[in-house]
């Protein structure tokens, strides 16, 4: 069975692509983007535990 690790990161609207590409290059897969409590965007990501 695959085990996962998760993380969240704030997204800056004018730099979203670069931020997501950076995390993707490290093996993180985008799960969801939601509006954070302060009104900004927050990305939820996952990767198999012990990933890159």
N, C-alpha and C. Protein backbone atom coordinates (compact mmCIF):
# COMPACT_ATOMS: atom_id res chain seq x y z
N UNK A 1 0.84 -1.18 0.00
CA UNK A 1 0.00 0.00 0.00
C UNK A 1 0.90 1.25 0.00
N UNK A 2 0.55 2.21 -0.83
CA UNK A 2 1.29 3.46 -0.88
C UNK A 2 0.94 4.33 0.31
N UNK A 3 1.95 4.87 0.96
CA UNK A 3 1.73 5.86 2.00
C UNK A 3 2.14 7.22 1.44
N UNK A 4 1.48 8.27 1.89
CA UNK A 4 1.65 9.60 1.32
C UNK A 4 2.15 10.58 2.37
N UNK A 5 2.86 11.58 1.89
CA UNK A 5 3.14 12.75 2.72
C UNK A 5 2.46 13.92 2.03
N UNK A 6 2.04 14.88 2.83
CA UNK A 6 1.28 16.02 2.32
C UNK A 6 1.94 17.32 2.74
N UNK A 7 1.65 18.36 1.99
CA UNK A 7 2.13 19.68 2.38
C UNK A 7 1.24 20.74 1.75
N UNK A 8 1.28 21.91 2.35
CA UNK A 8 0.54 23.05 1.82
C UNK A 8 1.52 24.18 1.55
N UNK A 9 1.17 25.02 0.59
CA UNK A 9 1.99 26.18 0.28
C UNK A 9 1.10 27.31 -0.22
N UNK A 10 1.38 28.53 0.21
CA UNK A 10 0.61 29.66 -0.30
C UNK A 10 1.00 29.91 -1.76
N UNK A 11 0.05 30.38 -2.54
CA UNK A 11 0.31 30.71 -3.94
C UNK A 11 0.20 32.21 -4.15
N UNK A 12 1.20 32.75 -4.82
CA UNK A 12 1.18 34.16 -5.19
C UNK A 12 0.63 34.21 -6.61
N UNK A 13 -0.47 34.91 -6.80
CA UNK A 13 -1.22 34.85 -8.06
C UNK A 13 -0.34 35.12 -9.28
N UNK A 14 0.54 36.10 -9.23
CA UNK A 14 1.35 36.42 -10.41
C UNK A 14 2.52 35.45 -10.61
N UNK A 15 2.68 34.47 -9.72
CA UNK A 15 3.80 33.53 -9.82
C UNK A 15 3.35 32.08 -9.63
N UNK A 16 2.08 31.81 -9.83
CA UNK A 16 1.51 30.49 -9.55
C UNK A 16 2.20 29.38 -10.35
N UNK A 17 2.38 29.58 -11.63
CA UNK A 17 2.97 28.54 -12.47
C UNK A 17 4.37 28.17 -12.00
N UNK A 18 5.19 29.15 -11.72
CA UNK A 18 6.56 28.87 -11.27
C UNK A 18 6.56 28.13 -9.94
N UNK A 19 5.69 28.53 -9.03
CA UNK A 19 5.62 27.86 -7.72
C UNK A 19 5.22 26.40 -7.90
N UNK A 20 4.16 26.15 -8.67
CA UNK A 20 3.70 24.77 -8.86
C UNK A 20 4.71 23.94 -9.64
N UNK A 21 5.37 24.52 -10.64
CA UNK A 21 6.40 23.79 -11.39
C UNK A 21 7.57 23.42 -10.48
N UNK A 22 7.94 24.31 -9.56
CA UNK A 22 9.02 24.02 -8.62
C UNK A 22 8.67 22.82 -7.74
N UNK A 23 7.47 22.81 -7.17
CA UNK A 23 7.08 21.69 -6.33
C UNK A 23 6.91 20.41 -7.15
N UNK A 24 6.38 20.53 -8.36
CA UNK A 24 6.23 19.36 -9.23
C UNK A 24 7.57 18.73 -9.57
N UNK A 25 8.60 19.55 -9.78
CA UNK A 25 9.94 19.04 -10.08
C UNK A 25 10.52 18.27 -8.90
N UNK A 26 9.98 18.51 -7.70
CA UNK A 26 10.44 17.80 -6.50
C UNK A 26 9.56 16.59 -6.19
N UNK A 27 8.67 16.25 -7.12
CA UNK A 27 7.85 15.05 -6.96
C UNK A 27 6.49 15.27 -6.33
N UNK A 28 6.12 16.54 -6.06
CA UNK A 28 4.83 16.83 -5.44
C UNK A 28 3.75 16.93 -6.50
N UNK A 29 2.58 16.35 -6.22
CA UNK A 29 1.42 16.39 -7.11
C UNK A 29 0.36 17.28 -6.50
N UNK A 30 -0.16 18.20 -7.31
CA UNK A 30 -1.21 19.09 -6.84
C UNK A 30 -2.49 18.31 -6.60
N UNK A 31 -3.09 18.48 -5.43
CA UNK A 31 -4.35 17.83 -5.10
C UNK A 31 -5.50 18.82 -5.23
N UNK A 32 -5.28 20.03 -4.70
CA UNK A 32 -6.37 21.01 -4.66
C UNK A 32 -5.81 22.39 -4.36
N UNK A 33 -6.52 23.40 -4.85
CA UNK A 33 -6.23 24.79 -4.49
C UNK A 33 -7.50 25.35 -3.85
N UNK A 34 -7.34 25.96 -2.68
CA UNK A 34 -8.48 26.54 -1.97
C UNK A 34 -8.14 27.96 -1.54
N UNK A 35 -9.16 28.70 -1.22
CA UNK A 35 -8.94 30.04 -0.69
C UNK A 35 -8.61 29.91 0.79
N UNK A 36 -7.51 30.53 1.20
CA UNK A 36 -7.06 30.45 2.58
C UNK A 36 -7.85 31.37 3.49
N UNK A 37 -7.62 31.26 4.78
CA UNK A 37 -8.36 32.06 5.76
C UNK A 37 -8.12 33.56 5.63
N UNK A 38 -6.98 33.95 5.07
CA UNK A 38 -6.67 35.37 4.89
C UNK A 38 -7.10 35.86 3.51
N UNK A 39 -7.69 34.99 2.70
CA UNK A 39 -8.17 35.37 1.38
C UNK A 39 -7.26 34.97 0.23
N UNK A 40 -6.01 34.60 0.51
CA UNK A 40 -5.10 34.17 -0.55
C UNK A 40 -5.36 32.72 -0.94
N UNK A 41 -4.63 32.25 -1.94
CA UNK A 41 -4.78 30.87 -2.38
C UNK A 41 -3.76 29.97 -1.69
N UNK A 42 -4.19 28.75 -1.38
CA UNK A 42 -3.33 27.75 -0.75
C UNK A 42 -3.40 26.48 -1.59
N UNK A 43 -2.24 25.93 -1.93
CA UNK A 43 -2.18 24.68 -2.68
C UNK A 43 -1.91 23.53 -1.72
N UNK A 44 -2.64 22.44 -1.92
CA UNK A 44 -2.43 21.20 -1.17
C UNK A 44 -1.78 20.21 -2.13
N UNK A 45 -0.65 19.64 -1.71
CA UNK A 45 0.11 18.74 -2.55
C UNK A 45 0.39 17.44 -1.81
N UNK A 46 0.69 16.38 -2.59
CA UNK A 46 1.04 15.09 -1.99
C UNK A 46 2.11 14.43 -2.84
N UNK A 47 2.83 13.49 -2.23
CA UNK A 47 3.76 12.63 -2.93
C UNK A 47 3.95 11.37 -2.11
N UNK A 48 4.39 10.29 -2.72
CA UNK A 48 4.62 9.08 -1.95
C UNK A 48 5.65 9.36 -0.84
N UNK A 49 5.43 8.81 0.32
CA UNK A 49 6.34 9.01 1.44
C UNK A 49 7.73 8.53 1.04
N UNK A 50 8.73 9.29 1.43
CA UNK A 50 10.11 8.95 1.06
C UNK A 50 10.46 9.44 -0.33
N UNK A 51 9.63 10.35 -0.90
CA UNK A 51 9.84 10.87 -2.26
C UNK A 51 11.10 11.70 -2.40
N UNK A 52 11.25 12.25 -3.60
CA UNK A 52 12.45 13.02 -3.96
C UNK A 52 12.70 14.19 -3.06
